[in-house]
């Protein structure tokens, strides 16, 4: 286990060098609460509470970055970037009733593929919705987004935008979850190093 401990020492040093600034306590007006890999964002409005919940586990992926003038990655070093895009739940609670949304993030399209006539692309989709009393439970009826009327879907997306759930928030959540997941990874490496290093 000595070799593993030595490797972990080097790996921890390298990963800490990649860490960004201290994680914020607020994201776009939402207060941040964390519990292990679970993250909750809360915003209290005049007559309702908007909550966003996500888990950074199982949501890390590699993205290949391309130079618009090239047909492939810019270089071996910067060709791949680790991004965390977790699925997330949105709960709008008003008067003891909850309108819930289960959403998935989508990767932004390459800039060169964006049409000047239609520059806006949603960075998330609604996978399903639920309307319930009190806390959202799996036993409540859920409507899949793919069978939803198109006009209803668009109006619900507009509603989310009005509550602060739009592309800007998704971009910041992506950045936050990527940094937070990385901090948890470094913490795991440190615990593993302590586990395999003999006590003096």
N, C-alpha and C. Protein backbone atom coordinates (compact mmCIF):
# COMPACT_ATOMS: atom_id res chain seq x y z
N UNK A 1 0.82 -1.21 0.00
CA UNK A 1 0.00 0.00 0.00
C UNK A 1 0.85 1.26 0.00
N UNK A 2 2.15 1.10 0.19
CA UNK A 2 3.04 2.26 0.19
C UNK A 2 3.02 2.98 -1.14
N UNK A 3 3.02 2.19 -2.23
CA UNK A 3 3.01 2.79 -3.56
C UNK A 3 1.72 3.57 -3.79
N UNK A 4 0.61 3.01 -3.32
CA UNK A 4 -0.68 3.70 -3.43
C UNK A 4 -0.66 5.01 -2.65
N UNK A 5 -0.12 4.99 -1.44
CA UNK A 5 -0.05 6.19 -0.61
C UNK A 5 0.80 7.27 -1.28
N UNK A 6 1.92 6.86 -1.88
CA UNK A 6 2.79 7.82 -2.57
C UNK A 6 2.09 8.42 -3.78
N UNK A 7 1.38 7.56 -4.52
CA UNK A 7 0.64 8.07 -5.68
C UNK A 7 -0.42 9.07 -5.25
N UNK A 8 -1.14 8.74 -4.18
CA UNK A 8 -2.20 9.63 -3.69
C UNK A 8 -1.65 10.98 -3.27
N UNK A 9 -0.47 11.00 -2.70
CA UNK A 9 0.16 12.27 -2.31
C UNK A 9 0.35 13.15 -3.54
N UNK A 10 0.85 12.57 -4.61
CA UNK A 10 1.06 13.31 -5.85
C UNK A 10 -0.27 13.73 -6.48
N UNK A 11 -1.22 12.80 -6.47
CA UNK A 11 -2.52 13.08 -7.08
C UNK A 11 -3.26 14.19 -6.34
N UNK A 12 -3.21 14.18 -5.03
CA UNK A 12 -3.88 15.21 -4.23
C UNK A 12 -3.27 16.58 -4.52
N UNK A 13 -1.95 16.64 -4.60
CA UNK A 13 -1.27 17.90 -4.90
C UNK A 13 -1.69 18.42 -6.27
N UNK A 14 -1.75 17.52 -7.25
CA UNK A 14 -2.13 17.92 -8.61
C UNK A 14 -3.59 18.37 -8.66
N UNK A 15 -4.47 17.66 -7.99
CA UNK A 15 -5.89 18.01 -8.02
C UNK A 15 -6.16 19.32 -7.27
N UNK A 16 -5.44 19.55 -6.17
CA UNK A 16 -5.62 20.81 -5.44
C UNK A 16 -5.18 22.00 -6.27
N UNK A 17 -4.19 21.79 -7.14
CA UNK A 17 -3.73 22.87 -8.01
C UNK A 17 -4.81 23.26 -9.02
N UNK A 18 -5.74 22.35 -9.29
CA UNK A 18 -6.81 22.61 -10.25
C UNK A 18 -8.05 23.22 -9.59
N UNK A 19 -8.08 23.23 -8.26
CA UNK A 19 -9.26 23.74 -7.57
C UNK A 19 -9.39 25.24 -7.76
N UNK A 20 -10.65 25.67 -7.91
CA UNK A 20 -10.90 27.09 -8.10
C UNK A 20 -11.04 27.81 -6.78
N UNK A 21 -11.77 28.91 -6.83
CA UNK A 21 -11.97 29.72 -5.63
C UNK A 21 -12.98 29.04 -4.70
N UNK A 22 -13.14 29.61 -3.52
CA UNK A 22 -14.07 29.06 -2.54
C UNK A 22 -15.49 29.04 -3.10
N UNK A 23 -16.20 27.97 -2.83
CA UNK A 23 -17.56 27.82 -3.34
C UNK A 23 -18.47 28.88 -2.73
N UNK A 24 -19.37 29.47 -3.53
CA UNK A 24 -20.25 30.53 -3.02
C UNK A 24 -21.36 29.99 -2.14
N UNK A 25 -21.89 30.86 -1.28
CA UNK A 25 -23.04 30.51 -0.44
C UNK A 25 -24.35 30.86 -1.13
N UNK A 26 -24.25 31.53 -2.28
CA UNK A 26 -25.44 31.95 -3.01
C UNK A 26 -25.19 31.82 -4.50
N UNK A 27 -26.19 31.35 -5.22
CA UNK A 27 -26.11 31.22 -6.67
C UNK A 27 -27.35 31.88 -7.28
N UNK A 28 -27.16 33.01 -7.95
CA UNK A 28 -28.26 33.73 -8.61
C UNK A 28 -29.44 34.01 -7.68
N UNK A 29 -29.14 34.40 -6.45
CA UNK A 29 -30.21 34.72 -5.51
C UNK A 29 -30.73 33.53 -4.73
N UNK A 30 -30.25 32.32 -5.03
CA UNK A 30 -30.64 31.12 -4.30
C UNK A 30 -29.60 30.82 -3.23
N UNK A 31 -30.06 30.59 -2.00
CA UNK A 31 -29.16 30.21 -0.92
C UNK A 31 -28.75 28.74 -1.09
N UNK A 32 -27.47 28.46 -0.88
CA UNK A 32 -26.92 27.12 -1.11
C UNK A 32 -26.80 26.35 0.20
N UNK A 33 -27.29 25.11 0.19
CA UNK A 33 -27.11 24.19 1.31
C UNK A 33 -26.56 22.88 0.74
N UNK A 34 -25.55 22.32 1.41
CA UNK A 34 -24.97 21.07 0.93
C UNK A 34 -24.98 20.02 2.04
N UNK A 35 -25.15 18.78 1.62
CA UNK A 35 -25.11 17.64 2.55
C UNK A 35 -24.48 16.48 1.79
N UNK A 36 -23.16 16.35 1.93
CA UNK A 36 -22.47 15.35 1.11
C UNK A 36 -22.63 15.70 -0.35
N UNK A 37 -23.00 14.75 -1.20
CA UNK A 37 -23.16 15.04 -2.62
C UNK A 37 -24.47 15.75 -2.96
N UNK A 38 -25.36 15.90 -1.98
CA UNK A 38 -26.66 16.52 -2.23
C UNK A 38 -26.56 18.04 -2.05
N UNK A 39 -27.13 18.76 -3.01
CA UNK A 39 -27.10 20.22 -2.99
C UNK A 39 -28.53 20.75 -3.10
N UNK A 40 -28.86 21.73 -2.29
CA UNK A 40 -30.18 22.35 -2.32
C UNK A 40 -30.02 23.85 -2.47
N UNK A 41 -30.74 24.43 -3.43
CA UNK A 41 -30.77 25.88 -3.62
C UNK A 41 -32.17 26.36 -3.27
N UNK A 42 -32.27 27.39 -2.45
CA UNK A 42 -33.57 27.86 -1.97
C UNK A 42 -33.70 29.36 -2.17
N UNK A 43 -34.85 29.77 -2.71
CA UNK A 43 -35.16 31.20 -2.83
C UNK A 43 -36.57 31.42 -2.28
N UNK A 44 -36.68 32.32 -1.31
CA UNK A 44 -37.98 32.65 -0.73
C UNK A 44 -38.52 33.91 -1.38
N UNK A 45 -39.69 33.80 -2.01
CA UNK A 45 -40.35 34.95 -2.61
C UNK A 45 -41.50 35.38 -1.70
N UNK A 46 -42.29 36.35 -2.15
CA UNK A 46 -43.31 36.92 -1.28
C UNK A 46 -44.33 35.90 -0.79
N UNK A 47 -44.81 35.03 -1.68
CA UNK A 47 -45.84 34.08 -1.29
C UNK A 47 -45.50 32.63 -1.63
N UNK A 48 -44.24 32.37 -1.94
CA UNK A 48 -43.86 31.02 -2.32
C UNK A 48 -42.36 30.78 -2.09
N UNK A 49 -42.00 29.52 -2.11
CA UNK A 49 -40.59 29.13 -1.99
C UNK A 49 -40.22 28.30 -3.21
N UNK A 50 -39.10 28.67 -3.84
CA UNK A 50 -38.60 27.93 -5.00
C UNK A 50 -37.35 27.17 -4.57
N UNK A 51 -37.36 25.86 -4.77
CA UNK A 51 -36.25 25.01 -4.35
C UNK A 51 -35.72 24.21 -5.53
N UNK A 52 -34.40 24.18 -5.65
CA UNK A 52 -33.74 23.37 -6.68
C UNK A 52 -32.87 22.35 -5.95
N UNK A 53 -33.03 21.07 -6.31
CA UNK A 53 -32.26 20.01 -5.66
C UNK A 53 -31.52 19.18 -6.71
N UNK A 54 -30.26 18.85 -6.41
CA UNK A 54 -29.52 17.96 -7.29
C UNK A 54 -28.45 17.22 -6.51
N UNK A 55 -27.92 16.18 -7.12
CA UNK A 55 -26.90 15.33 -6.51
C UNK A 55 -25.75 15.21 -7.50
N UNK A 56 -24.53 15.50 -7.05
CA UNK A 56 -23.39 15.52 -7.97
C UNK A 56 -22.84 14.13 -8.27
N UNK A 57 -23.36 13.10 -7.59
CA UNK A 57 -22.94 11.73 -7.90
C UNK A 57 -23.42 11.32 -9.29
N UNK A 58 -22.62 10.53 -10.00
CA UNK A 58 -23.02 9.91 -11.27
C UNK A 58 -23.40 10.94 -12.34
N UNK A 59 -22.84 12.13 -12.30
CA UNK A 59 -23.22 13.15 -13.29
C UNK A 59 -22.01 13.82 -13.92
N UNK A 60 -20.84 13.18 -13.80
CA UNK A 60 -19.62 13.74 -14.38
C UNK A 60 -19.42 13.16 -15.77
N UNK A 61 -19.07 14.03 -16.71
CA UNK A 61 -18.80 13.57 -18.07
C UNK A 61 -17.67 14.36 -18.69
N UNK A 62 -17.07 13.79 -19.71
CA UNK A 62 -16.01 14.48 -20.44
C UNK A 62 -16.60 15.14 -21.67
N UNK A 63 -16.16 16.35 -21.93
CA UNK A 63 -16.58 17.04 -23.14
C UNK A 63 -15.36 17.37 -23.97
N UNK A 64 -15.48 17.16 -25.27
CA UNK A 64 -14.39 17.47 -26.17
C UNK A 64 -14.58 18.87 -26.70
N UNK A 65 -13.56 19.70 -26.53
CA UNK A 65 -13.61 21.07 -27.01
C UNK A 65 -12.95 21.16 -28.38
N UNK A 66 -13.65 21.80 -29.32
CA UNK A 66 -13.13 21.92 -30.67
C UNK A 66 -12.87 23.38 -31.02
N UNK A 67 -11.83 23.57 -31.78
CA UNK A 67 -11.55 24.88 -32.36
C UNK A 67 -12.39 24.98 -33.62
N UNK A 68 -13.10 26.08 -33.81
CA UNK A 68 -13.97 26.23 -34.96
C UNK A 68 -13.22 26.10 -36.28
N UNK A 69 -11.93 26.40 -36.28
CA UNK A 69 -11.14 26.35 -37.51
C UNK A 69 -10.52 24.98 -37.74
N UNK A 70 -10.69 24.08 -36.76
CA UNK A 70 -10.09 22.75 -36.87
C UNK A 70 -11.18 21.70 -36.92
N UNK A 71 -10.81 20.51 -37.38
CA UNK A 71 -11.77 19.42 -37.47
C UNK A 71 -11.74 18.53 -36.24
N UNK A 72 -10.81 18.78 -35.34
CA UNK A 72 -10.68 17.94 -34.16
C UNK A 72 -10.34 18.74 -32.93
N UNK A 73 -9.99 18.07 -31.85
CA UNK A 73 -9.62 18.76 -30.60
C UNK A 73 -8.45 19.70 -30.82
N UNK A 74 -8.39 20.78 -30.05
CA UNK A 74 -7.32 21.76 -30.20
C UNK A 74 -5.97 21.17 -29.82
N UNK A 75 -5.93 20.31 -28.82
CA UNK A 75 -4.70 19.64 -28.44
C UNK A 75 -5.03 18.49 -27.52
N UNK A 76 -4.09 17.60 -27.30
CA UNK A 76 -4.34 16.48 -26.40
C UNK A 76 -4.57 16.95 -24.98
N UNK A 77 -3.89 18.06 -24.61
CA UNK A 77 -3.98 18.54 -23.23
C UNK A 77 -5.35 19.14 -22.92
N UNK A 78 -5.87 19.95 -23.87
CA UNK A 78 -7.12 20.64 -23.56
C UNK A 78 -8.30 20.08 -24.33
N UNK A 79 -8.14 18.92 -24.95
CA UNK A 79 -9.22 18.36 -25.75
C UNK A 79 -10.41 17.97 -24.88
N UNK A 80 -10.15 17.54 -23.66
CA UNK A 80 -11.24 17.06 -22.83
C UNK A 80 -11.34 17.86 -21.53
N UNK A 81 -12.56 18.24 -21.21
CA UNK A 81 -12.83 18.98 -19.99
C UNK A 81 -13.86 18.21 -19.19
N UNK A 82 -13.63 18.07 -17.89
CA UNK A 82 -14.58 17.37 -17.03
C UNK A 82 -15.67 18.35 -16.60
N UNK A 83 -16.91 18.01 -16.91
CA UNK A 83 -18.05 18.86 -16.59
C UNK A 83 -19.07 18.03 -15.80
N UNK A 84 -19.68 18.66 -14.81
CA UNK A 84 -20.72 18.00 -14.02
C UNK A 84 -22.06 18.64 -14.35
N UNK A 85 -22.94 17.87 -15.00
CA UNK A 85 -24.27 18.37 -15.35
C UNK A 85 -25.32 17.45 -14.72
N UNK A 86 -25.64 17.65 -13.46
CA UNK A 86 -26.58 16.75 -12.79
C UNK A 86 -28.03 17.02 -13.19
N UNK A 87 -28.86 15.98 -13.25
CA UNK A 87 -30.30 16.23 -13.34
C UNK A 87 -30.74 16.95 -12.08
N UNK A 88 -31.82 17.71 -12.15
CA UNK A 88 -32.24 18.47 -10.96
C UNK A 88 -33.75 18.53 -10.87
N UNK A 89 -34.22 18.69 -9.65
CA UNK A 89 -35.65 18.86 -9.37
C UNK A 89 -35.91 20.30 -8.96
N UNK A 90 -37.03 20.82 -9.43
CA UNK A 90 -37.48 22.16 -9.02
C UNK A 90 -38.82 22.01 -8.32
N UNK A 91 -38.95 22.62 -7.16
CA UNK A 91 -40.21 22.59 -6.42
C UNK A 91 -40.65 24.02 -6.15
N UNK A 92 -41.86 24.34 -6.61
CA UNK A 92 -42.46 25.64 -6.32
C UNK A 92 -43.56 25.39 -5.31
N UNK A 93 -43.34 25.81 -4.08
CA UNK A 93 -44.29 25.56 -3.00
C UNK A 93 -45.04 26.85 -2.68
N UNK A 94 -46.36 26.75 -2.77
CA UNK A 94 -47.20 27.92 -2.50
C UNK A 94 -48.43 27.46 -1.73
N UNK A 95 -48.61 28.00 -0.54
CA UNK A 95 -49.79 27.65 0.26
C UNK A 95 -49.91 26.18 0.58
N UNK A 96 -48.77 25.51 0.79
CA UNK A 96 -48.81 24.09 1.14
C UNK A 96 -48.92 23.15 -0.04
N UNK A 97 -49.05 23.69 -1.25
CA UNK A 97 -49.12 22.86 -2.45
C UNK A 97 -47.82 23.01 -3.24
N UNK A 98 -47.46 21.96 -3.96
CA UNK A 98 -46.19 21.95 -4.66
C UNK A 98 -46.37 21.60 -6.14
N UNK A 99 -45.79 22.43 -6.99
CA UNK A 99 -45.66 22.12 -8.42
C UNK A 99 -44.21 21.73 -8.63
N UNK A 100 -44.00 20.48 -9.02
CA UNK A 100 -42.63 19.97 -9.14
C UNK A 100 -42.24 19.67 -10.57
N UNK A 101 -40.96 19.87 -10.85
CA UNK A 101 -40.40 19.60 -12.18
C UNK A 101 -39.15 18.73 -12.02
N UNK A 102 -39.05 17.70 -12.81
CA UNK A 102 -37.81 16.93 -12.89
C UNK A 102 -37.15 17.30 -14.21
N UNK A 103 -35.91 17.79 -14.14
CA UNK A 103 -35.27 18.35 -15.33
C UNK A 103 -33.90 17.71 -15.59
N UNK A 104 -33.48 17.79 -16.84
CA UNK A 104 -32.15 17.31 -17.23
C UNK A 104 -31.42 18.43 -17.96
N UNK A 105 -30.13 18.57 -17.66
CA UNK A 105 -29.31 19.53 -18.37
C UNK A 105 -28.88 18.95 -19.71
N UNK A 106 -28.68 19.84 -20.68
CA UNK A 106 -28.16 19.42 -21.98
C UNK A 106 -26.93 20.26 -22.29
N UNK A 107 -25.99 19.66 -22.99
CA UNK A 107 -24.77 20.39 -23.35
C UNK A 107 -25.11 21.45 -24.39
N UNK A 108 -24.51 22.64 -24.28
CA UNK A 108 -24.75 23.68 -25.29
C UNK A 108 -24.21 23.24 -26.63
N UNK A 109 -24.88 23.61 -27.74
CA UNK A 109 -24.38 23.23 -29.06
C UNK A 109 -23.12 24.01 -29.41
N UNK A 110 -22.30 23.50 -30.33
CA UNK A 110 -21.13 24.26 -30.78
C UNK A 110 -21.55 25.62 -31.31
N UNK A 111 -20.75 26.64 -31.03
CA UNK A 111 -21.11 28.00 -31.43
C UNK A 111 -21.33 28.12 -32.93
N UNK A 112 -20.52 27.37 -33.71
CA UNK A 112 -20.63 27.50 -35.16
C UNK A 112 -21.92 26.89 -35.70
N UNK A 113 -22.61 26.05 -34.87
CA UNK A 113 -23.85 25.43 -35.33
C UNK A 113 -25.08 26.24 -34.95
N UNK A 114 -24.89 27.33 -34.19
CA UNK A 114 -26.00 28.17 -33.77
C UNK A 114 -26.39 29.13 -34.87
N UNK A 115 -27.67 29.13 -35.22
CA UNK A 115 -28.15 30.01 -36.28
C UNK A 115 -28.32 31.43 -35.77
N UNK A 116 -27.90 32.44 -36.56
CA UNK A 116 -28.10 33.84 -36.14
C UNK A 116 -29.57 34.18 -35.96
N UNK A 117 -30.44 33.45 -36.70
CA UNK A 117 -31.88 33.71 -36.60
C UNK A 117 -32.49 33.09 -35.34
N UNK A 118 -31.79 32.11 -34.76
CA UNK A 118 -32.30 31.44 -33.57
C UNK A 118 -31.14 31.14 -32.62
N UNK A 119 -30.58 32.21 -32.00
CA UNK A 119 -29.38 32.04 -31.18
C UNK A 119 -29.65 31.40 -29.82
N UNK A 120 -30.93 31.31 -29.43
CA UNK A 120 -31.25 30.85 -28.07
C UNK A 120 -31.52 29.36 -28.07
N UNK A 121 -30.83 28.66 -27.21
CA UNK A 121 -31.05 27.23 -27.03
C UNK A 121 -31.19 26.95 -25.54
N UNK A 122 -32.25 26.24 -25.16
CA UNK A 122 -32.44 25.89 -23.76
C UNK A 122 -31.35 24.92 -23.32
N UNK A 123 -30.79 25.16 -22.14
CA UNK A 123 -29.74 24.31 -21.60
C UNK A 123 -30.28 23.23 -20.68
N UNK A 124 -31.62 23.11 -20.63
CA UNK A 124 -32.23 22.03 -19.85
C UNK A 124 -33.59 21.70 -20.44
N UNK A 125 -34.09 20.53 -20.10
CA UNK A 125 -35.41 20.10 -20.54
C UNK A 125 -36.23 19.66 -19.33
N UNK A 126 -37.54 19.74 -19.47
CA UNK A 126 -38.44 19.21 -18.44
C UNK A 126 -38.71 17.75 -18.76
N UNK A 127 -38.31 16.86 -17.86
CA UNK A 127 -38.53 15.43 -18.06
C UNK A 127 -39.92 15.00 -17.59
N UNK A 128 -40.38 15.61 -16.49
CA UNK A 128 -41.71 15.29 -15.98
C UNK A 128 -42.13 16.35 -14.97
N UNK A 129 -43.45 16.42 -14.75
CA UNK A 129 -43.99 17.37 -13.78
C UNK A 129 -44.92 16.63 -12.82
N UNK A 130 -45.12 17.23 -11.66
CA UNK A 130 -46.02 16.66 -10.65
C UNK A 130 -46.71 17.81 -9.93
N UNK A 131 -47.97 17.59 -9.55
CA UNK A 131 -48.72 18.55 -8.75
C UNK A 131 -49.20 17.81 -7.52
N UNK A 132 -48.81 18.29 -6.33
CA UNK A 132 -49.15 17.53 -5.12
C UNK A 132 -49.35 18.46 -3.93
N UNK A 133 -49.93 17.90 -2.89
CA UNK A 133 -50.07 18.61 -1.62
C UNK A 133 -48.88 18.29 -0.74
N UNK A 134 -48.24 19.31 -0.20
CA UNK A 134 -47.10 19.09 0.67
C UNK A 134 -45.88 18.62 -0.06
N UNK A 135 -45.18 17.66 0.53
CA UNK A 135 -43.90 17.20 -0.01
C UNK A 135 -44.09 16.28 -1.21
N UNK A 136 -43.22 16.43 -2.19
CA UNK A 136 -43.24 15.63 -3.42
C UNK A 136 -42.83 14.20 -3.09
N UNK A 137 -43.71 13.24 -3.47
CA UNK A 137 -43.43 11.82 -3.21
C UNK A 137 -43.48 11.03 -4.52
N UNK A 138 -42.77 9.93 -4.56
CA UNK A 138 -42.76 9.08 -5.76
C UNK A 138 -44.15 8.51 -6.03
N UNK A 139 -44.99 8.42 -5.00
CA UNK A 139 -46.34 7.87 -5.17
C UNK A 139 -47.26 8.84 -5.89
N UNK A 140 -46.87 10.12 -6.01
CA UNK A 140 -47.69 11.10 -6.71
C UNK A 140 -47.63 10.86 -8.22
N UNK A 141 -48.69 11.26 -8.92
CA UNK A 141 -48.76 11.08 -10.37
C UNK A 141 -47.80 12.05 -11.06
N UNK A 142 -47.00 11.51 -11.98
CA UNK A 142 -46.03 12.30 -12.74
C UNK A 142 -46.41 12.29 -14.22
N UNK A 143 -46.30 13.45 -14.87
CA UNK A 143 -46.57 13.55 -16.30
C UNK A 143 -45.24 13.65 -17.05
N UNK A 144 -44.94 12.71 -17.94
CA UNK A 144 -43.68 12.79 -18.70
C UNK A 144 -43.68 13.98 -19.64
N UNK A 145 -42.53 14.63 -19.75
CA UNK A 145 -42.43 15.80 -20.61
C UNK A 145 -42.67 15.50 -22.07
N UNK A 146 -42.30 14.28 -22.52
CA UNK A 146 -42.40 13.98 -23.95
C UNK A 146 -43.84 13.82 -24.43
N UNK A 147 -44.80 13.58 -23.50
CA UNK A 147 -46.19 13.45 -23.93
C UNK A 147 -46.99 14.73 -23.64
N UNK A 148 -46.32 15.72 -23.10
CA UNK A 148 -46.98 16.97 -22.74
C UNK A 148 -47.31 17.80 -23.98
N UNK A 149 -48.43 18.49 -23.95
CA UNK A 149 -48.78 19.40 -25.03
C UNK A 149 -47.66 20.42 -25.22
N UNK A 150 -47.30 20.71 -26.46
CA UNK A 150 -46.19 21.61 -26.75
C UNK A 150 -46.37 23.00 -26.17
N UNK A 151 -47.59 23.52 -26.26
CA UNK A 151 -47.86 24.86 -25.72
C UNK A 151 -47.72 24.86 -24.21
N UNK A 152 -48.25 23.81 -23.55
CA UNK A 152 -48.13 23.70 -22.10
C UNK A 152 -46.66 23.63 -21.70
N UNK A 153 -45.89 22.84 -22.43
CA UNK A 153 -44.45 22.71 -22.14
C UNK A 153 -43.76 24.07 -22.22
N UNK A 154 -44.03 24.81 -23.29
CA UNK A 154 -43.40 26.12 -23.46
C UNK A 154 -43.81 27.10 -22.36
N UNK A 155 -45.08 27.06 -21.97
CA UNK A 155 -45.55 27.96 -20.91
C UNK A 155 -44.92 27.61 -19.57
N UNK A 156 -44.73 26.32 -19.32
CA UNK A 156 -44.07 25.91 -18.07
C UNK A 156 -42.59 26.32 -18.08
N UNK A 157 -41.94 26.23 -19.24
CA UNK A 157 -40.56 26.71 -19.34
C UNK A 157 -40.50 28.21 -19.07
N UNK A 158 -41.49 28.95 -19.58
CA UNK A 158 -41.55 30.40 -19.32
C UNK A 158 -41.77 30.66 -17.83
N UNK A 159 -42.60 29.84 -17.20
CA UNK A 159 -42.85 29.99 -15.77
C UNK A 159 -41.57 29.77 -14.98
N UNK A 160 -40.82 28.74 -15.34
CA UNK A 160 -39.55 28.49 -14.66
C UNK A 160 -38.59 29.66 -14.84
N UNK A 161 -38.57 30.21 -16.04
CA UNK A 161 -37.71 31.37 -16.31
C UNK A 161 -38.08 32.53 -15.40
N UNK A 162 -39.39 32.74 -15.22
CA UNK A 162 -39.86 33.82 -14.35
C UNK A 162 -39.46 33.60 -12.89
N UNK A 163 -39.29 32.34 -12.50
CA UNK A 163 -38.88 32.02 -11.13
C UNK A 163 -37.36 31.99 -10.97
N UNK A 164 -36.64 32.31 -12.04
CA UNK A 164 -35.18 32.33 -11.96
C UNK A 164 -34.52 31.05 -12.40
N UNK A 165 -35.31 30.12 -12.98
CA UNK A 165 -34.76 28.84 -13.45
C UNK A 165 -34.62 28.92 -14.97
N UNK A 166 -33.47 29.41 -15.42
CA UNK A 166 -33.23 29.55 -16.86
C UNK A 166 -31.80 29.20 -17.20
N UNK A 167 -31.40 29.57 -18.40
CA UNK A 167 -30.05 29.22 -18.85
C UNK A 167 -28.96 29.78 -17.96
N UNK A 168 -29.16 31.02 -17.46
CA UNK A 168 -28.13 31.64 -16.62
C UNK A 168 -27.92 30.82 -15.34
N UNK A 169 -29.02 30.41 -14.71
CA UNK A 169 -28.89 29.61 -13.49
C UNK A 169 -28.26 28.26 -13.80
N UNK A 170 -28.68 27.63 -14.90
CA UNK A 170 -28.15 26.32 -15.25
C UNK A 170 -26.64 26.39 -15.49
N UNK A 171 -26.19 27.46 -16.16
CA UNK A 171 -24.75 27.62 -16.38
C UNK A 171 -24.01 27.74 -15.05
N UNK A 172 -24.59 28.51 -14.11
CA UNK A 172 -23.93 28.69 -12.81
C UNK A 172 -24.00 27.42 -11.96
N UNK A 173 -25.10 26.68 -12.07
CA UNK A 173 -25.21 25.41 -11.35
C UNK A 173 -24.20 24.41 -11.91
N UNK A 174 -24.03 24.42 -13.23
CA UNK A 174 -23.03 23.55 -13.85
C UNK A 174 -21.64 23.85 -13.31
N UNK A 175 -21.30 25.14 -13.23
CA UNK A 175 -19.99 25.54 -12.71
C UNK A 175 -19.86 25.16 -11.23
N UNK A 176 -20.93 25.44 -10.46
CA UNK A 176 -20.89 25.12 -9.02
C UNK A 176 -20.76 23.62 -8.80
N UNK A 177 -21.59 22.83 -9.48
CA UNK A 177 -21.57 21.38 -9.26
C UNK A 177 -20.26 20.76 -9.72
N UNK A 178 -19.67 21.32 -10.79
CA UNK A 178 -18.37 20.83 -11.25
C UNK A 178 -17.30 21.07 -10.20
N UNK A 179 -17.28 22.29 -9.65
CA UNK A 179 -16.29 22.63 -8.62
C UNK A 179 -16.55 21.85 -7.32
N UNK A 180 -17.83 21.72 -6.97
CA UNK A 180 -18.16 21.04 -5.72
C UNK A 180 -17.83 19.55 -5.81
N UNK A 181 -18.17 18.93 -6.94
CA UNK A 181 -17.85 17.51 -7.12
C UNK A 181 -16.34 17.30 -7.05
N UNK A 182 -15.58 18.23 -7.61
CA UNK A 182 -14.13 18.12 -7.58
C UNK A 182 -13.61 18.22 -6.15
N UNK A 183 -14.21 19.10 -5.35
CA UNK A 183 -13.79 19.23 -3.95
C UNK A 183 -14.09 17.95 -3.17
N UNK A 184 -15.22 17.31 -3.48
CA UNK A 184 -15.55 16.04 -2.83
C UNK A 184 -14.57 14.94 -3.26
N UNK A 185 -14.15 14.99 -4.51
CA UNK A 185 -13.18 14.01 -5.01
C UNK A 185 -11.85 14.15 -4.29
N UNK A 186 -11.39 15.40 -4.13
CA UNK A 186 -10.13 15.64 -3.42
C UNK A 186 -10.25 15.17 -1.97
N UNK A 187 -11.40 15.45 -1.36
CA UNK A 187 -11.63 15.01 0.02
C UNK A 187 -11.59 13.49 0.14
N UNK A 188 -12.17 12.80 -0.85
CA UNK A 188 -12.13 11.34 -0.86
C UNK A 188 -10.70 10.82 -0.98
N UNK A 189 -9.90 11.46 -1.85
CA UNK A 189 -8.50 11.06 -2.01
C UNK A 189 -7.74 11.23 -0.70
N UNK A 190 -8.01 12.33 0.01
CA UNK A 190 -7.33 12.58 1.29
C UNK A 190 -7.72 11.52 2.33
N UNK A 191 -8.99 11.15 2.35
CA UNK A 191 -9.43 10.10 3.29
C UNK A 191 -8.81 8.76 2.92
N UNK A 192 -8.72 8.48 1.63
CA UNK A 192 -8.12 7.23 1.18
C UNK A 192 -6.64 7.20 1.54
N UNK A 193 -5.97 8.35 1.36
CA UNK A 193 -4.55 8.43 1.71
C UNK A 193 -4.35 8.15 3.20
N UNK A 194 -5.20 8.74 4.03
CA UNK A 194 -5.12 8.52 5.48
C UNK A 194 -5.36 7.05 5.82
N UNK A 195 -6.25 6.41 5.05
CA UNK A 195 -6.61 5.02 5.30
C UNK A 195 -5.45 4.07 5.01
N UNK A 196 -4.69 4.37 3.93
CA UNK A 196 -3.62 3.44 3.52
C UNK A 196 -2.26 3.82 4.08
N UNK A 197 -2.17 4.98 4.74
CA UNK A 197 -0.89 5.39 5.32
C UNK A 197 -0.77 4.85 6.74
N UNK A 198 0.27 4.09 7.04
CA UNK A 198 0.42 3.52 8.39
C UNK A 198 0.51 4.60 9.45
N UNK A 199 -0.13 4.37 10.57
CA UNK A 199 -0.06 5.32 11.69
C UNK A 199 1.34 5.31 12.27
N UNK A 200 1.81 6.51 12.62
CA UNK A 200 3.17 6.63 13.18
C UNK A 200 3.13 6.46 14.69
